[in-house]
Amino acid sequence: HPSKMTETQSLINYYAREGYPRHIQALCNETLKKRGEDPSLLFWKAFGLILEGNTNEAIRELDNIHSKKDIRLAVTAALIEAHQQAKLIDRERVEELNACYTIDEQGAGEKSLMLATTFYWLWDMNYHQRNLGGSKHVNFQE
């Protein structure tokens, strides 16, 4: 149901902005039980794992859904970030993913571009909170 997905995405966005990665994972798990294997929810669950610092599990989850066309661009972006957050960075894999991203971006549809944009928006917000000591509340009106 589209309105339920919009509500779920709004909660994911809120939890990500507030720095609650486990809430993201719990929401995705709960919704997946009700609706089955929705690739977008599996993606956001993996996003929560990355934010939590569980990069190995996130990479495994993302690798499992990387072939899904509608979310491939966002999954590739998340895989790049997850690999870069890992204790041991697989530079060869990051280079390969960067090349994939360029190709995926050219053929991406609207849904895929929107998901990737949302990922980067939430990722950048969290990155700045963690690494630059920035405020959790960002004013986009400025």
Protein backbone atom coordinates (compact mmCIF):
# COMPACT_ATOMS: atom_id res chain seq x y z
CA HIS A 1 0.00 0.00 0.00
CA PRO A 2 1.61 3.31 -1.13
CA SER A 3 0.56 5.42 1.89
CA LYS A 4 1.99 2.81 4.30
CA MET A 5 5.29 2.90 2.43
CA THR A 6 5.33 6.71 2.58
CA GLU A 7 4.68 6.51 6.33
CA THR A 8 7.43 3.91 6.74
CA GLN A 9 9.89 6.02 4.70
CA SER A 10 9.03 9.09 6.80
CA LEU A 11 9.83 7.14 9.97
CA ILE A 12 13.08 5.86 8.44
CA ASN A 13 14.04 9.43 7.54
CA TYR A 14 13.21 10.62 11.07
CA TYR A 15 15.13 7.83 12.77
CA ALA A 16 18.13 8.39 10.51
CA ARG A 17 18.16 12.16 11.15
CA GLU A 18 17.91 11.59 14.90
CA GLY A 19 20.64 8.93 14.92
CA TYR A 20 18.57 5.85 15.79
CA PRO A 21 19.97 3.07 13.57
CA ARG A 22 18.41 0.26 15.62
CA HIS A 23 14.98 1.86 15.26
CA ILE A 24 15.49 1.82 11.48
CA GLN A 25 16.37 -1.87 11.57
CA ALA A 26 13.45 -2.75 13.87
CA LEU A 27 10.96 -0.83 11.71
CA CYS A 28 12.25 -2.52 8.56
CA ASN A 29 12.16 -5.98 10.15
CA GLU A 30 8.61 -5.42 11.42
CA THR A 31 7.40 -4.13 8.05
CA LEU A 32 9.19 -6.93 6.17
CA LYS A 33 7.31 -9.50 8.28
CA LYS A 34 4.02 -7.92 7.18
CA ARG A 35 4.85 -7.25 3.53
CA GLY A 36 7.49 -9.77 2.56
CA GLU A 37 10.83 -9.20 0.88
CA ASP A 38 10.60 -5.56 -0.19
CA PRO A 39 14.04 -4.63 -1.63
CA SER A 40 13.70 -0.99 -0.48
CA LEU A 41 13.14 -2.07 3.12
CA LEU A 42 16.08 -4.48 2.92
CA PHE A 43 18.15 -1.54 1.68
CA TRP A 44 17.12 0.72 4.59
CA LYS A 45 17.72 -2.10 7.06
CA ALA A 46 21.29 -2.36 5.71
CA PHE A 47 21.59 1.43 5.98
CA GLY A 48 20.77 1.12 9.69
CA LEU A 49 23.48 -1.52 10.02
CA ILE A 50 26.04 0.82 8.43
CA LEU A 51 25.06 3.65 10.78
CA GLU A 52 25.39 1.27 13.71
CA GLY A 53 28.92 0.37 12.58
CA ASN A 54 28.05 -3.18 11.58
CA THR A 55 29.61 -2.82 8.14
CA ASN A 56 30.31 -6.50 7.43
CA GLU A 57 26.67 -7.50 7.94
CA ALA A 58 25.52 -4.43 5.98
CA ILE A 59 27.78 -5.37 3.06
CA ARG A 60 26.38 -8.93 3.07
CA GLU A 61 22.79 -7.60 3.09
CA LEU A 62 23.52 -5.10 0.32
CA ASP A 63 25.32 -7.68 -1.83
CA ASN A 64 22.16 -9.84 -1.64
CA ILE A 65 20.00 -7.09 -3.18
CA HIS A 66 22.57 -5.45 -5.50
CA SER A 67 21.03 -7.00 -8.60
CA LYS A 68 17.61 -5.35 -8.05
CA LYS A 69 17.33 -2.75 -10.83
CA ASP A 70 15.01 -0.29 -9.03
CA ILE A 71 17.41 0.14 -6.12
CA ARG A 72 20.76 -0.72 -7.69
CA LEU A 73 22.14 2.85 -7.72
CA ALA A 74 21.40 3.39 -4.03
CA VAL A 75 22.73 -0.07 -3.13
CA THR A 76 25.95 0.65 -5.03
CA ALA A 77 26.30 3.98 -3.20
CA ALA A 78 25.67 2.31 0.17
CA LEU A 79 28.17 -0.45 -0.62
CA ILE A 80 30.83 2.17 -1.41
CA GLU A 81 30.21 3.93 1.90
CA ALA A 82 30.05 0.65 3.85
CA HIS A 83 33.35 -0.53 2.40
CA GLN A 84 34.95 2.82 3.23
CA GLN A 85 33.71 2.53 6.83
CA ALA A 86 35.07 -1.01 7.24
CA LYS A 87 38.12 -1.65 9.42
CA LEU A 88 39.92 -3.17 6.45
CA ILE A 89 39.01 -1.34 3.26
CA ASP A 90 38.86 -3.47 0.13
CA ARG A 91 40.15 -0.77 -2.23
CA GLU A 92 39.76 -2.98 -5.30
CA ARG A 93 36.07 -3.53 -4.49
CA VAL A 94 35.57 0.22 -3.87
CA GLU A 95 37.08 1.01 -7.30
CA GLU A 96 34.85 -1.61 -8.91
CA LEU A 97 31.78 -0.16 -7.15
CA ASN A 98 32.71 3.39 -8.19
CA ALA A 99 32.82 2.21 -11.82
CA CYS A 100 29.46 0.45 -11.35
CA TYR A 101 27.98 3.61 -9.87
CA THR A 102 28.90 5.65 -12.93
CA ILE A 103 27.28 3.07 -15.23
CA ASP A 104 24.24 2.59 -12.96
CA GLU A 105 23.66 6.34 -12.72
CA GLN A 106 23.39 6.67 -16.50
CA GLY A 107 20.67 4.04 -16.72
CA ALA A 108 18.87 4.82 -13.47
CA GLY A 109 15.14 5.45 -13.43
CA GLU A 110 13.37 8.02 -11.30
CA LYS A 111 12.74 5.64 -8.37
CA SER A 112 16.39 4.59 -8.29
CA LEU A 113 17.64 8.19 -8.45
CA MET A 114 15.25 9.24 -5.68
CA LEU A 115 16.36 6.42 -3.41
CA ALA A 116 20.05 7.22 -4.01
CA THR A 117 19.42 10.92 -3.35
CA THR A 118 17.61 10.13 -0.10
CA PHE A 119 20.43 7.80 0.91
CA TYR A 120 23.08 10.50 0.34
CA TRP A 121 20.99 13.14 2.11
CA LEU A 122 20.64 10.97 5.23
CA TRP A 123 24.19 9.62 4.96
CA ASP A 124 25.72 13.11 4.77
CA MET A 125 23.65 14.26 7.72
CA ASN A 126 24.83 11.31 9.81
CA TYR A 127 28.44 11.64 8.62
CA HIS A 128 28.57 15.26 9.74
CA GLN A 129 26.99 14.40 13.10
CA ARG A 130 29.51 11.63 13.74
CA ASN A 131 32.68 13.15 12.34
CA LEU A 132 32.25 16.90 12.60
CA GLY A 133 30.26 17.16 15.82
CA GLY A 134 27.47 18.91 13.94
CA SER A 135 23.99 19.53 15.25
CA LYS A 136 21.41 16.81 14.76
CA HIS A 137 18.87 19.36 13.64
CA VAL A 138 19.66 20.88 10.29
CA ASN A 139 17.79 23.92 9.03
CA PHE A 140 17.26 23.50 5.30
CA GLN A 141 15.48 26.87 5.07
CA GLU A 142 18.69 28.89 5.02
